[in-house]
PDB file of N, CA and C in Angstrom:
ATOM      1  N   UNK A   1     -86.619 -21.783 -48.691  1.00  0.00           N
ATOM      2  CA  UNK A   1     -87.525 -20.760 -49.773  1.00  0.00           C
ATOM      3  C   UNK A   1     -86.928 -19.746 -50.166  1.00  0.00           C
ATOM      4  N   UNK A   2     -86.891 -19.417 -51.160  1.00  0.00           N
ATOM      5  CA  UNK A   2     -86.587 -17.750 -51.875  1.00  0.00           C
ATOM      6  C   UNK A   2     -87.755 -17.027 -51.863  1.00  0.00           C
ATOM      7  N   UNK A   3     -87.834 -16.375 -50.757  1.00  0.00           N
ATOM      8  CA  UNK A   3     -88.652 -15.460 -50.607  1.00  0.00           C
ATOM      9  C   UNK A   3     -88.787 -14.227 -52.021  1.00  0.00           C
ATOM     10  N   UNK A   4     -88.089 -14.283 -52.502  1.00  0.00           N
ATOM     11  CA  UNK A   4     -88.174 -13.099 -53.700  1.00  0.00           C
ATOM     12  C   UNK A   4     -88.807 -13.440 -54.630  1.00  0.00           C
ATOM     13  N   UNK A   5     -88.380 -15.025 -54.948  1.00  0.00           N
ATOM     14  CA  UNK A   5     -89.378 -15.895 -55.968  1.00  0.00           C
ATOM     15  C   UNK A   5     -90.924 -16.244 -55.622  1.00  0.00           C
ATOM     16  N   UNK A   6     -91.613 -15.915 -56.303  1.00  0.00           N
ATOM     17  CA  UNK A   6     -93.076 -16.163 -56.551  1.00  0.00           C
ATOM     18  C   UNK A   6     -92.943 -17.744 -57.084  1.00  0.00           C
ATOM     19  N   UNK A   7     -93.888 -18.601 -57.151  1.00  0.00           N
ATOM     20  CA  UNK A   7     -94.129 -19.407 -58.010  1.00  0.00           C
ATOM     21  C   UNK A   7     -95.804 -20.048 -58.727  1.00  0.00           C
ATOM     22  N   UNK A   8     -96.463 -18.457 -58.405  1.00  0.00           N
ATOM     23  CA  UNK A   8     -97.523 -18.575 -59.370  1.00  0.00           C
ATOM     24  C   UNK A   8     -97.221 -19.078 -60.808  1.00  0.00           C
ATOM     25  N   UNK A   9     -98.195 -19.262 -61.783  1.00  0.00           N
ATOM     26  CA  UNK A   9     -98.202 -19.032 -63.117  1.00  0.00           C
ATOM     27  C   UNK A   9     -97.676 -17.407 -63.462  1.00  0.00           C
ATOM     28  N   UNK A  10     -98.819 -16.637 -62.966  1.00  0.00           N
ATOM     29  CA  UNK A  10     -98.088 -15.404 -63.285  1.00  0.00           C
ATOM     30  C   UNK A  10     -96.679 -15.092 -63.220  1.00  0.00           C
ATOM     31  N   UNK A  11     -96.112 -15.290 -62.067  1.00  0.00           N
ATOM     32  CA  UNK A  11     -94.801 -14.902 -61.629  1.00  0.00           C
ATOM     33  C   UNK A  11     -93.538 -15.621 -62.562  1.00  0.00           C
ATOM     34  N   UNK A  12     -93.789 -16.856 -62.632  1.00  0.00           N
ATOM     35  CA  UNK A  12     -93.161 -17.765 -63.593  1.00  0.00           C
ATOM     36  C   UNK A  12     -92.941 -17.329 -65.464  1.00  0.00           C
ATOM     37  N   UNK A  13     -94.180 -16.842 -65.384  1.00  0.00           N
ATOM     38  CA  UNK A  13     -94.347 -16.140 -66.798  1.00  0.00           C
ATOM     39  C   UNK A  13     -93.347 -14.767 -66.868  1.00  0.00           C
ATOM     40  N   UNK A  14     -93.579 -14.178 -65.845  1.00  0.00           N
ATOM     41  CA  UNK A  14     -92.961 -12.639 -65.690  1.00  0.00           C
ATOM     42  C   UNK A  14     -90.962 -13.177 -65.725  1.00  0.00           C
ATOM     43  N   UNK A  15     -90.731 -14.273 -65.283  1.00  0.00           N
ATOM     44  CA  UNK A  15     -89.178 -14.760 -64.575  1.00  0.00           C
ATOM     45  C   UNK A  15     -88.976 -15.195 -66.386  1.00  0.00           C
ATOM     46  N   UNK A  16     -90.073 -15.807 -66.835  1.00  0.00           N
ATOM     47  CA  UNK A  16     -89.440 -16.811 -68.105  1.00  0.00           C
ATOM     48  C   UNK A  16     -89.183 -15.325 -69.047  1.00  0.00           C
ATOM     49  N   UNK A  17     -89.981 -14.510 -69.067  1.00  0.00           N
ATOM     50  CA  UNK A  17     -90.033 -13.498 -69.908  1.00  0.00           C
ATOM     51  C   UNK A  17     -88.432 -12.606 -69.732  1.00  0.00           C
ATOM     52  N   UNK A  18     -88.357 -12.379 -68.435  1.00  0.00           N
ATOM     53  CA  UNK A  18     -86.700 -11.483 -68.496  1.00  0.00           C
ATOM     54  C   UNK A  18     -85.650 -12.285 -68.560  1.00  0.00           C
ATOM     55  N   UNK A  19     -85.558 -14.026 -68.106  1.00  0.00           N
ATOM     56  CA  UNK A  19     -84.859 -15.174 -68.676  1.00  0.00           C
ATOM     57  C   UNK A  19     -84.474 -14.860 -70.028  1.00  0.00           C
ATOM     58  N   UNK A  20     -85.617 -14.901 -70.878  1.00  0.00           N
ATOM     59  CA  UNK A  20     -85.191 -15.286 -72.514  1.00  0.00           C
ATOM     60  C   UNK A  20     -84.913 -13.625 -73.568  1.00  0.00           C
ATOM     61  N   UNK A  21     -85.454 -12.485 -72.498  1.00  0.00           N
ATOM     62  CA  UNK A  21     -84.864 -11.480 -72.986  1.00  0.00           C
ATOM     63  C   UNK A  21     -83.484 -10.898 -72.849  1.00  0.00           C
ATOM     64  N   UNK A  22     -82.751 -11.568 -71.473  1.00  0.00           N
ATOM     65  CA  UNK A  22     -81.578 -11.325 -70.962  1.00  0.00           C
ATOM     66  C   UNK A  22     -80.563 -12.436 -70.521  1.00  0.00           C
ATOM     67  N   UNK A  23     -81.232 -13.576 -71.547  1.00  0.00           N
ATOM     68  CA  UNK A  23     -80.218 -14.644 -71.481  1.00  0.00           C
ATOM     69  C   UNK A  23     -79.906 -15.080 -70.201  1.00  0.00           C
ATOM     70  N   UNK A  24     -81.116 -15.560 -69.172  1.00  0.00           N
ATOM     71  CA  UNK A  24     -80.676 -15.933 -68.027  1.00  0.00           C
ATOM     72  C   UNK A  24     -80.979 -17.410 -67.890  1.00  0.00           C
ATOM     73  N   UNK A  25     -80.931 -17.811 -66.668  1.00  0.00           N
ATOM     74  CA  UNK A  25     -81.458 -19.414 -66.184  1.00  0.00           C
ATOM     75  C   UNK A  25     -82.540 -18.754 -65.712  1.00  0.00           C
ATOM     76  N   UNK A  26     -83.673 -19.427 -66.366  1.00  0.00           N
ATOM     77  CA  UNK A  26     -85.205 -18.696 -65.270  1.00  0.00           C
ATOM     78  C   UNK A  26     -85.080 -19.134 -64.467  1.00  0.00           C
ATOM     79  N   UNK A  27     -84.284 -20.011 -63.575  1.00  0.00           N
ATOM     80  CA  UNK A  27     -84.458 -20.206 -62.348  1.00  0.00           C
ATOM     81  C   UNK A  27     -83.583 -19.598 -61.123  1.00  0.00           C
ATOM     82  N   UNK A  28     -83.252 -18.465 -61.727  1.00  0.00           N
ATOM     83  CA  UNK A  28     -82.675 -17.902 -60.994  1.00  0.00           C
ATOM     84  C   UNK A  28     -83.221 -16.367 -61.070  1.00  0.00           C
ATOM     85  N   UNK A  29     -83.785 -16.121 -61.894  1.00  0.00           N
ATOM     86  CA  UNK A  29     -84.812 -14.994 -61.973  1.00  0.00           C
ATOM     87  C   UNK A  29     -85.800 -14.695 -61.040  1.00  0.00           C
ATOM     88  N   UNK A  30     -85.618 -13.680 -59.884  1.00  0.00           N
ATOM     89  CA  UNK A  30     -86.351 -13.180 -58.918  1.00  0.00           C
ATOM     90  C   UNK A  30     -86.379 -11.945 -58.434  1.00  0.00           C
ATOM     91  N   UNK A  31     -87.092 -11.348 -57.590  1.00  0.00           N
ATOM     92  CA  UNK A  31     -87.633 -10.386 -57.388  1.00  0.00           C
ATOM     93  C   UNK A  31     -86.166  -9.190 -57.455  1.00  0.00           C
ATOM     94  N   UNK A  32     -85.097  -9.731 -57.058  1.00  0.00           N
ATOM     95  CA  UNK A  32     -84.136  -9.221 -56.649  1.00  0.00           C
ATOM     96  C   UNK A  32     -83.144  -8.818 -58.180  1.00  0.00           C
ATOM     97  N   UNK A  33     -83.495  -9.252 -59.021  1.00  0.00           N
ATOM     98  CA  UNK A  33     -82.900  -8.934 -60.810  1.00  0.00           C
ATOM     99  C   UNK A  33     -83.533  -7.901 -60.978  1.00  0.00           C
ATOM    100  N   UNK A  34     -82.313  -7.000 -61.146  1.00  0.00           N
ATOM    101  CA  UNK A  34     -82.552  -6.042 -61.903  1.00  0.00           C
ATOM    102  C   UNK A  34     -81.316  -5.215 -62.974  1.00  0.00           C
ATOM    103  N   UNK A  35     -82.013  -4.376 -63.321  1.00  0.00           N
ATOM    104  CA  UNK A  35     -81.049  -3.556 -64.740  1.00  0.00           C
ATOM    105  C   UNK A  35     -79.308  -3.330 -63.618  1.00  0.00           C
ATOM    106  N   UNK A  36     -79.443  -3.350 -62.735  1.00  0.00           N
ATOM    107  CA  UNK A  36     -77.947  -2.773 -61.937  1.00  0.00           C
ATOM    108  C   UNK A  36     -77.038  -4.826 -61.794  1.00  0.00           C
ATOM    109  N   UNK A  37     -77.775  -5.687 -61.602  1.00  0.00           N
ATOM    110  CA  UNK A  37     -77.105  -6.575 -62.140  1.00  0.00           C
ATOM    111  C   UNK A  37     -77.024  -7.426 -63.138  1.00  0.00           C
ATOM    112  N   UNK A  38     -77.931  -6.666 -64.229  1.00  0.00           N
ATOM    113  CA  UNK A  38     -78.150  -7.529 -65.540  1.00  0.00           C
ATOM    114  C   UNK A  38     -77.180  -6.748 -66.229  1.00  0.00           C
ATOM    115  N   UNK A  39     -76.076  -7.377 -66.938  1.00  0.00           N
ATOM    116  CA  UNK A  39     -75.398  -6.774 -67.964  1.00  0.00           C
ATOM    117  C   UNK A  39     -76.133  -6.084 -69.404  1.00  0.00           C
ATOM    118  N   UNK A  40     -77.154  -7.165 -69.465  1.00  0.00           N
ATOM    119  CA  UNK A  40     -77.582  -6.426 -70.842  1.00  0.00           C
ATOM    120  C   UNK A  40     -78.834  -5.998 -71.072  1.00  0.00           C
ATOM    121  N   UNK A  41     -79.132  -5.319 -69.997  1.00  0.00           N
ATOM    122  CA  UNK A  41     -80.516  -5.087 -69.736  1.00  0.00           C
ATOM    123  C   UNK A  41     -80.437  -3.440 -69.805  1.00  0.00           C
ATOM    124  N   UNK A  42     -80.283  -3.091 -70.744  1.00  0.00           N
ATOM    125  CA  UNK A  42     -79.957  -1.549 -70.926  1.00  0.00           C
ATOM    126  C   UNK A  42     -81.528  -1.107 -71.417  1.00  0.00           C
ATOM    127  N   UNK A  43     -81.341   0.392 -72.134  1.00  0.00           N
ATOM    128  CA  UNK A  43     -82.628   0.835 -72.267  1.00  0.00           C
ATOM    129  C   UNK A  43     -83.474   0.487 -73.351  1.00  0.00           C
ATOM    130  N   UNK A  44     -82.537  -0.058 -74.757  1.00  0.00           N
ATOM    131  CA  UNK A  44     -83.141  -1.185 -75.519  1.00  0.00           C
ATOM    132  C   UNK A  44     -83.835  -2.226 -74.974  1.00  0.00           C
ATOM    133  N   UNK A  45     -83.140  -2.965 -74.222  1.00  0.00           N
ATOM    134  CA  UNK A  45     -83.506  -4.222 -73.141  1.00  0.00           C
ATOM    135  C   UNK A  45     -85.341  -3.428 -72.402  1.00  0.00           C
ATOM    136  N   UNK A  46     -85.284  -2.699 -72.291  1.00  0.00           N
ATOM    137  CA  UNK A  46     -86.663  -2.058 -71.150  1.00  0.00           C
ATOM    138  C   UNK A  46     -87.533  -2.183 -71.972  1.00  0.00           C
ATOM    139  N   UNK A  47     -87.326  -1.536 -73.616  1.00  0.00           N
ATOM    140  CA  UNK A  47     -88.159  -1.385 -74.726  1.00  0.00           C
ATOM    141  C   UNK A  47     -88.545  -2.901 -74.991  1.00  0.00           C
ATOM    142  N   UNK A  48     -88.095  -3.496 -75.193  1.00  0.00           N
ATOM    143  CA  UNK A  48     -87.956  -5.125 -75.901  1.00  0.00           C
ATOM    144  C   UNK A  48     -89.477  -5.449 -74.271  1.00  0.00           C
ATOM    145  N   UNK A  49     -88.484  -5.412 -73.274  1.00  0.00           N
ATOM    146  CA  UNK A  49     -89.263  -5.990 -72.089  1.00  0.00           C
ATOM    147  C   UNK A  49     -91.084  -5.418 -71.772  1.00  0.00           C
ATOM    148  N   UNK A  50     -90.973  -4.287 -72.045  1.00  0.00           N
ATOM    149  CA  UNK A  50     -92.091  -3.227 -72.009  1.00  0.00           C
ATOM    150  C   UNK A  50     -93.329  -4.524 -73.125  1.00  0.00           C
ATOM    151  N   UNK A  51     -92.437  -4.623 -74.298  1.00  0.00           N
ATOM    152  CA  UNK A  51     -93.635  -5.017 -75.460  1.00  0.00           C
ATOM    153  C   UNK A  51     -93.460  -6.690 -75.245  1.00  0.00           C
ATOM    154  N   UNK A  52     -92.716  -7.309 -74.270  1.00  0.00           N
ATOM    155  CA  UNK A  52     -92.816  -8.540 -74.190  1.00  0.00           C
ATOM    156  C   UNK A  52     -93.873  -8.880 -73.390  1.00  0.00           C
ATOM    157  N   UNK A  53     -94.197  -7.647 -71.895  1.00  0.00           N
ATOM    158  CA  UNK A  53     -94.743  -7.938 -70.822  1.00  0.00           C
ATOM    159  C   UNK A  53     -96.395  -7.815 -71.370  1.00  0.00           C
ATOM    160  N   UNK A  54     -96.215  -6.636 -72.482  1.00  0.00           N
ATOM    161  CA  UNK A  54     -97.957  -6.198 -72.166  1.00  0.00           C
ATOM    162  C   UNK A  54     -98.530  -7.081 -73.516  1.00  0.00           C
ATOM    163  N   UNK A  55     -97.545  -7.638 -74.389  1.00  0.00           N
ATOM    164  CA  UNK A  55     -98.151  -8.563 -75.106  1.00  0.00           C
ATOM    165  C   UNK A  55     -98.690  -9.972 -74.257  1.00  0.00           C
ATOM    166  N   UNK A  56     -98.142 -10.373 -73.094  1.00  0.00           N
ATOM    167  CA  UNK A  56     -97.946 -11.696 -72.513  1.00  0.00           C
ATOM    168  C   UNK A  56     -99.124 -11.302 -71.474  1.00  0.00           C
ATOM    169  N   UNK A  57     -99.222 -10.209 -71.076  1.00  0.00           N
ATOM    170  CA  UNK A  57    -100.340  -9.826 -70.107  1.00  0.00           C
ATOM    171  C   UNK A  57    -101.788  -8.997 -70.263  1.00  0.00           C
ATOM    172  N   UNK A  58    -101.697  -8.969 -71.710  1.00  0.00           N
ATOM    173  CA  UNK A  58    -102.826  -8.263 -72.534  1.00  0.00           C
ATOM    174  C   UNK A  58    -102.681  -6.989 -71.433  1.00  0.00           C
ATOM    175  N   UNK A  59    -101.827  -6.019 -71.779  1.00  0.00           N
ATOM    176  CA  UNK A  59    -102.006  -4.940 -70.971  1.00  0.00           C
ATOM    177  C   UNK A  59    -101.251  -3.728 -71.753  1.00  0.00           C
ATOM    178  N   UNK A  60    -101.452  -2.750 -71.352  1.00  0.00           N
ATOM    179  CA  UNK A  60    -100.617  -1.240 -71.505  1.00  0.00           C
ATOM    180  C   UNK A  60    -100.315  -0.776 -70.675  1.00  0.00           C
ATOM    181  N   UNK A  61     -99.190  -0.221 -70.685  1.00  0.00           N
ATOM    182  CA  UNK A  61     -98.523   0.747 -69.952  1.00  0.00           C
ATOM    183  C   UNK A  61     -98.031   1.906 -70.179  1.00  0.00           C
ATOM    184  N   UNK A  62     -98.336   2.880 -69.367  1.00  0.00           N
ATOM    185  CA  UNK A  62     -97.782   4.134 -69.817  1.00  0.00           C
ATOM    186  C   UNK A  62     -96.737   5.065 -69.311  1.00  0.00           C
ATOM    187  N   UNK A  63     -96.013   5.965 -69.438  1.00  0.00           N
ATOM    188  CA  UNK A  63     -95.216   6.623 -69.061  1.00  0.00           C
ATOM    189  C   UNK A  63     -94.677   6.141 -67.728  1.00  0.00           C
ATOM    190  N   UNK A  64     -95.158   6.578 -67.131  1.00  0.00           N
ATOM    191  CA  UNK A  64     -95.374   6.538 -65.484  1.00  0.00           C
ATOM    192  C   UNK A  64     -95.106   5.122 -65.035  1.00  0.00           C
ATOM    193  N   UNK A  65     -95.669   4.313 -65.990  1.00  0.00           N
ATOM    194  CA  UNK A  65     -95.507   2.703 -65.188  1.00  0.00           C
ATOM    195  C   UNK A  65     -94.002   2.851 -65.155  1.00  0.00           C
ATOM    196  N   UNK A  66     -93.176   2.791 -66.396  1.00  0.00           N
ATOM    197  CA  UNK A  66     -91.563   2.470 -66.565  1.00  0.00           C
ATOM    198  C   UNK A  66     -90.755   3.152 -65.893  1.00  0.00           C
ATOM    199  N   UNK A  67     -90.499   3.981 -65.050  1.00  0.00           N
ATOM    200  CA  UNK A  67     -89.629   4.022 -63.853  1.00  0.00           C
ATOM    201  C   UNK A  67     -89.982   3.020 -63.034  1.00  0.00           C
ATOM    202  N   UNK A  68     -90.509   2.215 -63.124  1.00  0.00           N
ATOM    203  CA  UNK A  68     -90.589   1.212 -62.117  1.00  0.00           C
ATOM    204  C   UNK A  68     -89.837  -0.079 -62.938  1.00  0.00           C
ATOM    205  N   UNK A  69     -89.522   0.190 -64.327  1.00  0.00           N
ATOM    206  CA  UNK A  69     -88.928  -1.170 -64.861  1.00  0.00           C
ATOM    207  C   UNK A  69     -87.393  -1.408 -64.566  1.00  0.00           C
ATOM    208  N   UNK A  70     -86.919  -0.918 -63.445  1.00  0.00           N
ATOM    209  CA  UNK A  70     -85.855  -1.451 -62.902  1.00  0.00           C
ATOM    210  C   UNK A  70     -85.548  -2.378 -62.454  1.00  0.00           C
ATOM    211  N   UNK A  71     -86.175  -3.716 -62.022  1.00  0.00           N
ATOM    212  CA  UNK A  71     -86.031  -4.314 -60.935  1.00  0.00           C
ATOM    213  C   UNK A  71     -87.660  -5.306 -61.158  1.00  0.00           C
ATOM    214  N   UNK A  72     -87.143  -7.083 -61.269  1.00  0.00           N
ATOM    215  CA  UNK A  72     -88.366  -7.714 -61.877  1.00  0.00           C
ATOM    216  C   UNK A  72     -89.164  -7.407 -60.386  1.00  0.00           C
ATOM    217  N   UNK A  73     -88.825  -7.328 -58.970  1.00  0.00           N
ATOM    218  CA  UNK A  73     -90.122  -6.924 -58.102  1.00  0.00           C
ATOM    219  C   UNK A  73     -90.842  -6.005 -58.685  1.00  0.00           C
ATOM    220  N   UNK A  74     -90.442  -4.578 -58.587  1.00  0.00           N
ATOM    221  CA  UNK A  74     -90.959  -3.437 -59.141  1.00  0.00           C
ATOM    222  C   UNK A  74     -91.930  -3.973 -60.412  1.00  0.00           C
ATOM    223  N   UNK A  75     -91.731  -4.537 -61.410  1.00  0.00           N
ATOM    224  CA  UNK A  75     -92.870  -4.634 -62.242  1.00  0.00           C
ATOM    225  C   UNK A  75     -93.223  -5.603 -62.222  1.00  0.00           C
ATOM    226  N   UNK A  76     -93.534  -6.430 -60.900  1.00  0.00           N
ATOM    227  CA  UNK A  76     -94.747  -7.412 -60.831  1.00  0.00           C
ATOM    228  C   UNK A  76     -95.315  -6.445 -59.914  1.00  0.00           C
ATOM    229  N   UNK A  77     -95.141  -5.643 -58.926  1.00  0.00           N
ATOM    230  CA  UNK A  77     -95.979  -5.057 -57.888  1.00  0.00           C
ATOM    231  C   UNK A  77     -96.613  -4.059 -59.143  1.00  0.00           C
ATOM    232  N   UNK A  78     -96.215  -3.524 -60.208  1.00  0.00           N
ATOM    233  CA  UNK A  78     -96.868  -2.615 -61.259  1.00  0.00           C
ATOM    234  C   UNK A  78     -97.432  -3.828 -62.003  1.00  0.00           C
ATOM    235  N   UNK A  79     -97.664  -4.645 -61.870  1.00  0.00           N
ATOM    236  CA  UNK A  79     -98.366  -5.725 -62.881  1.00  0.00           C
ATOM    237  C   UNK A  79     -99.800  -5.771 -61.781  1.00  0.00           C
ATOM    238  N   UNK A  80     -99.266  -6.435 -60.949  1.00  0.00           N
ATOM    239  CA  UNK A  80    -100.434  -6.299 -59.539  1.00  0.00           C
ATOM    240  C   UNK A  80    -101.303  -5.194 -59.955  1.00  0.00           C
ATOM    241  N   UNK A  81    -100.274  -3.963 -59.400  1.00  0.00           N
ATOM    242  CA  UNK A  81    -101.396  -2.967 -59.319  1.00  0.00           C
ATOM    243  C   UNK A  81    -102.351  -2.605 -60.544  1.00  0.00           C
ATOM    244  N   UNK A  82    -102.065  -3.561 -61.664  1.00  0.00           N
ATOM    245  CA  UNK A  82    -103.193  -3.264 -62.977  1.00  0.00           C
ATOM    246  C   UNK A  82    -104.155  -4.549 -62.882  1.00  0.00           C
ATOM    247  N   UNK A  83    -104.100  -5.182 -61.970  1.00  0.00           N
ATOM    248  CA  UNK A  83    -104.330  -6.554 -61.844  1.00  0.00           C
ATOM    249  C   UNK A  83    -104.883  -7.589 -62.183  1.00  0.00           C
ATOM    250  N   UNK A  84    -103.126  -7.735 -62.655  1.00  0.00           N
ATOM    251  CA  UNK A  84    -102.335  -9.065 -62.657  1.00  0.00           C
ATOM    252  C   UNK A  84    -102.223 -10.093 -61.341  1.00  0.00           C
ATOM    253  N   UNK A  85    -102.371 -11.132 -61.152  1.00  0.00           N
ATOM    254  CA  UNK A  85    -103.133 -12.011 -59.989  1.00  0.00           C
ATOM    255  C   UNK A  85    -101.520 -12.563 -60.180  1.00  0.00           C
ATOM    256  N   UNK A  86    -100.796 -12.426 -58.735  1.00  0.00           N
ATOM    257  CA  UNK A  86     -99.135 -13.145 -58.222  1.00  0.00           C
ATOM    258  C   UNK A  86     -99.733 -13.945 -56.855  1.00  0.00           C
TER     259      UNK A  86
END
């Protein structure tokens, strides 16, 4: 079992969003998926990711949250801190 990959509905939603935006196989996206290992995850990709996540989870991020947008695991933790259950 991949401990870096949760299989809850919200985790699968997060992984699917990342996969679609960055043209990845959704089955390989996990908490270790990050800007450093996804070639097309640049600053514009982060902006798109923020918009998609805000819409999907009905949440608004503030500027301080954006510092965590370097990996899926950090994003998941930020979402959890905002009340999204994983």
